[in-house]
Amino acid sequence: MKLTHIRRTIAAALHTAKPLGYRALSGQVAHLVDNGLLVRTGDILDRLGADDLKDGQKSWYGRHVAKAYRAAHLGADAIKVWAQHRTTGKWIHVHVYSPVDPALYTALQTYKATSHLSAADFARCA
């Protein structure tokens, strides 16, 4: 029965406008992202004031987060959601995490371009 529901959802999503279609495909996960219960890596960087980072660096930060998440969860990937890319407007499939997931903050420290944003560096400066 669940497979039938998924097939119907996909079929309905294919015959609607793109934003609505991707929203339907994301389902409950998109709702959790909208309410801040799950965050994308770009959201974390924006909250930390890393707007000056290039798109490529933000993408590499996301890869570092995914690697840290897999290491902590026995190789499992995080949940994905469809989101519109903020500069190109294309719909992309991105991982989302709990706002307090240690992988987000491990990646801040391990990725050279974001290491200046980690709490350890702030404590060192104080």
C-alpha atoms as a PDB file:
ATOM      1  CA  MET A   1       0.000   0.000   0.000  1.00  0.00           C
ATOM      2  CA  LYS A   2       2.822   2.410   0.781  1.00  0.00           C
ATOM      3  CA  LEU A   3       4.351   1.864  -2.671  1.00  0.00           C
ATOM      4  CA  THR A   4       1.019   2.761  -4.288  1.00  0.00           C
ATOM      5  CA  HIS A   5       0.865   5.965  -2.258  1.00  0.00           C
ATOM      6  CA  ILE A   6       4.389   6.902  -3.348  1.00  0.00           C
ATOM      7  CA  ARG A   7       3.566   6.231  -7.004  1.00  0.00           C
ATOM      8  CA  ARG A   8       0.451   8.395  -6.807  1.00  0.00           C
ATOM      9  CA  THR A   9       2.412  11.199  -5.165  1.00  0.00           C
ATOM     10  CA  ILE A  10       5.058  11.092  -7.882  1.00  0.00           C
ATOM     11  CA  ALA A  11       2.431  11.001 -10.631  1.00  0.00           C
ATOM     12  CA  ALA A  12       0.634  14.002  -9.124  1.00  0.00           C
ATOM     13  CA  ALA A  13       3.899  15.884  -8.688  1.00  0.00           C
ATOM     14  CA  LEU A  14       4.774  15.408 -12.363  1.00  0.00           C
ATOM     15  CA  HIS A  15       1.578  17.172 -13.474  1.00  0.00           C
ATOM     16  CA  THR A  16       1.794  20.302 -11.333  1.00  0.00           C
ATOM     17  CA  ALA A  17       3.866  23.460 -11.291  1.00  0.00           C
ATOM     18  CA  LYS A  18       7.501  22.823 -10.294  1.00  0.00           C
ATOM     19  CA  PRO A  19       7.405  24.428  -6.823  1.00  0.00           C
ATOM     20  CA  LEU A  20       4.272  22.509  -5.856  1.00  0.00           C
ATOM     21  CA  GLY A  21       5.606  19.303  -7.365  1.00  0.00           C
ATOM     22  CA  TYR A  22       8.863  19.426  -5.454  1.00  0.00           C
ATOM     23  CA  ARG A  23       6.984  20.372  -2.298  1.00  0.00           C
ATOM     24  CA  ALA A  24       4.799  17.289  -2.733  1.00  0.00           C
ATOM     25  CA  LEU A  25       7.847  15.097  -3.268  1.00  0.00           C
ATOM     26  CA  SER A  26       9.506  16.475  -0.114  1.00  0.00           C
ATOM     27  CA  GLY A  27       6.368  16.057   1.980  1.00  0.00           C
ATOM     28  CA  GLN A  28       6.777  16.247   5.754  1.00  0.00           C
ATOM     29  CA  VAL A  29      10.502  16.924   5.494  1.00  0.00           C
ATOM     30  CA  ALA A  30       9.858  20.273   3.774  1.00  0.00           C
ATOM     31  CA  HIS A  31       7.440  21.188   6.567  1.00  0.00           C
ATOM     32  CA  LEU A  32      10.106  20.424   9.181  1.00  0.00           C
ATOM     33  CA  VAL A  33      12.650  22.568   7.294  1.00  0.00           C
ATOM     34  CA  ASP A  34      10.169  25.455   7.067  1.00  0.00           C
ATOM     35  CA  ASN A  35       9.624  25.338  10.830  1.00  0.00           C
ATOM     36  CA  GLY A  36      13.343  25.159  11.662  1.00  0.00           C
ATOM     37  CA  LEU A  37      13.270  21.636  13.072  1.00  0.00           C
ATOM     38  CA  LEU A  38      15.630  20.553  10.283  1.00  0.00           C
ATOM     39  CA  VAL A  39      18.216  22.807   8.624  1.00  0.00           C
ATOM     40  CA  ARG A  40      20.270  22.825   5.456  1.00  0.00           C
ATOM     41  CA  THR A  41      23.996  23.493   5.690  1.00  0.00           C
ATOM     42  CA  GLY A  42      23.501  26.842   3.970  1.00  0.00           C
ATOM     43  CA  ASP A  43      21.028  27.841   6.684  1.00  0.00           C
ATOM     44  CA  ILE A  44      23.651  27.194   9.371  1.00  0.00           C
ATOM     45  CA  LEU A  45      26.245  29.235   7.504  1.00  0.00           C
ATOM     46  CA  ASP A  46      23.771  32.102   7.106  1.00  0.00           C
ATOM     47  CA  ARG A  47      22.995  32.035  10.836  1.00  0.00           C
ATOM     48  CA  LEU A  48      26.709  32.199  11.609  1.00  0.00           C
ATOM     49  CA  GLY A  49      27.223  35.172   9.311  1.00  0.00           C
ATOM     50  CA  ALA A  50      29.182  33.350   6.613  1.00  0.00           C
ATOM     51  CA  ASP A  51      27.455  35.188   3.759  1.00  0.00           C
ATOM     52  CA  ASP A  52      30.844  36.138   2.325  1.00  0.00           C
ATOM     53  CA  LEU A  53      31.734  32.518   1.494  1.00  0.00           C
ATOM     54  CA  LYS A  54      31.632  31.576  -2.192  1.00  0.00           C
ATOM     55  CA  ASP A  55      29.069  29.027  -3.392  1.00  0.00           C
ATOM     56  CA  GLY A  56      31.828  26.499  -3.982  1.00  0.00           C
ATOM     57  CA  GLN A  57      33.038  26.827  -0.407  1.00  0.00           C
ATOM     58  CA  LYS A  58      29.509  26.437   0.931  1.00  0.00           C
ATOM     59  CA  SER A  59      29.146  23.315  -1.171  1.00  0.00           C
ATOM     60  CA  TRP A  60      32.386  21.874   0.197  1.00  0.00           C
ATOM     61  CA  TYR A  61      31.226  22.647   3.731  1.00  0.00           C
ATOM     62  CA  GLY A  62      28.106  20.599   2.969  1.00  0.00           C
ATOM     63  CA  ARG A  63      30.292  17.721   1.803  1.00  0.00           C
ATOM     64  CA  HIS A  64      32.293  17.885   5.035  1.00  0.00           C
ATOM     65  CA  VAL A  65      29.053  17.794   7.037  1.00  0.00           C
ATOM     66  CA  ALA A  66      27.810  14.765   5.068  1.00  0.00           C
ATOM     67  CA  LYS A  67      31.117  12.974   5.688  1.00  0.00           C
ATOM     68  CA  ALA A  68      31.003  13.722   9.436  1.00  0.00           C
ATOM     69  CA  TYR A  69      27.356  12.600   9.572  1.00  0.00           C
ATOM     70  CA  ARG A  70      28.160   9.306   7.833  1.00  0.00           C
ATOM     71  CA  ALA A  71      31.062   8.692  10.206  1.00  0.00           C
ATOM     72  CA  ALA A  72      28.811   9.208  13.233  1.00  0.00           C
ATOM     73  CA  HIS A  73      25.876   7.161  11.862  1.00  0.00           C
ATOM     74  CA  LEU A  74      27.569   4.007  10.552  1.00  0.00           C
ATOM     75  CA  GLY A  75      27.625   5.141   6.922  1.00  0.00           C
ATOM     76  CA  ALA A  76      23.983   6.250   6.725  1.00  0.00           C
ATOM     77  CA  ASP A  77      23.081   9.436   4.843  1.00  0.00           C
ATOM     78  CA  ALA A  78      20.989  12.234   6.310  1.00  0.00           C
ATOM     79  CA  ILE A  79      17.427  12.928   5.166  1.00  0.00           C
ATOM     80  CA  LYS A  80      17.107  14.809   1.881  1.00  0.00           C
ATOM     81  CA  VAL A  81      14.700  17.496   0.759  1.00  0.00           C
ATOM     82  CA  TRP A  82      14.123  19.245  -2.563  1.00  0.00           C
ATOM     83  CA  ALA A  83      15.152  22.888  -2.378  1.00  0.00           C
ATOM     84  CA  GLN A  84      15.561  25.674  -4.883  1.00  0.00           C
ATOM     85  CA  HIS A  85      19.165  26.785  -5.315  1.00  0.00           C
ATOM     86  CA  ARG A  86      19.454  30.367  -4.127  1.00  0.00           C
ATOM     87  CA  THR A  87      21.529  31.647  -7.064  1.00  0.00           C
ATOM     88  CA  THR A  88      20.622  29.450 -10.054  1.00  0.00           C
ATOM     89  CA  GLY A  89      16.989  28.768  -9.165  1.00  0.00           C
ATOM     90  CA  LYS A  90      17.347  25.091 -10.096  1.00  0.00           C
ATOM     91  CA  TRP A  91      15.733  22.473  -7.880  1.00  0.00           C
ATOM     92  CA  ILE A  92      18.332  20.357  -6.097  1.00  0.00           C
ATOM     93  CA  HIS A  93      18.215  17.495  -3.599  1.00  0.00           C
ATOM     94  CA  VAL A  94      20.035  18.513  -0.384  1.00  0.00           C
ATOM     95  CA  HIS A  95      20.671  16.882   2.974  1.00  0.00           C
ATOM     96  CA  VAL A  96      19.004  18.332   6.060  1.00  0.00           C
ATOM     97  CA  TYR A  97      20.090  17.923   9.659  1.00  0.00           C
ATOM     98  CA  SER A  98      18.915  18.647  13.167  1.00  0.00           C
ATOM     99  CA  PRO A  99      20.105  22.146  14.161  1.00  0.00           C
ATOM    100  CA  VAL A 100      22.104  20.613  17.025  1.00  0.00           C
ATOM    101  CA  ASP A 101      23.633  17.746  15.031  1.00  0.00           C
ATOM    102  CA  PRO A 102      27.331  17.422  15.965  1.00  0.00           C
ATOM    103  CA  ALA A 103      28.242  16.830  12.306  1.00  0.00           C
ATOM    104  CA  LEU A 104      27.436  20.482  11.505  1.00  0.00           C
ATOM    105  CA  TYR A 105      29.911  21.748  14.079  1.00  0.00           C
ATOM    106  CA  THR A 106      32.546  19.087  13.433  1.00  0.00           C
ATOM    107  CA  ALA A 107      32.594  20.172   9.797  1.00  0.00           C
ATOM    108  CA  LEU A 108      32.947  23.817  10.837  1.00  0.00           C
ATOM    109  CA  GLN A 109      36.196  22.919  12.584  1.00  0.00           C
ATOM    110  CA  THR A 110      37.556  20.458  10.016  1.00  0.00           C
ATOM    111  CA  TYR A 111      36.918  22.492   6.844  1.00  0.00           C
ATOM    112  CA  LYS A 112      39.584  25.159   6.470  1.00  0.00           C
ATOM    113  CA  ALA A 113      37.276  27.812   4.931  1.00  0.00           C
ATOM    114  CA  THR A 114      34.847  27.645   7.886  1.00  0.00           C
ATOM    115  CA  SER A 115      37.212  26.892  10.769  1.00  0.00           C
ATOM    116  CA  HIS A 116      37.165  30.563  11.770  1.00  0.00           C
ATOM    117  CA  LEU A 117      33.436  30.209  12.552  1.00  0.00           C
ATOM    118  CA  SER A 118      33.803  27.440  15.130  1.00  0.00           C
ATOM    119  CA  ALA A 119      33.169  28.117  18.819  1.00  0.00           C
ATOM    120  CA  ALA A 120      36.684  26.960  19.735  1.00  0.00           C
ATOM    121  CA  ASP A 121      38.175  29.796  17.700  1.00  0.00           C
ATOM    122  CA  PHE A 122      35.837  32.317  19.323  1.00  0.00           C
ATOM    123  CA  ALA A 123      36.892  31.087  22.767  1.00  0.00           C
ATOM    124  CA  ARG A 124      40.563  31.308  21.795  1.00  0.00           C
ATOM    125  CA  CYS A 125      40.121  34.960  20.780  1.00  0.00           C
ATOM    126  CA  ALA A 126      38.312  35.967  23.976  1.00  0.00           C
END
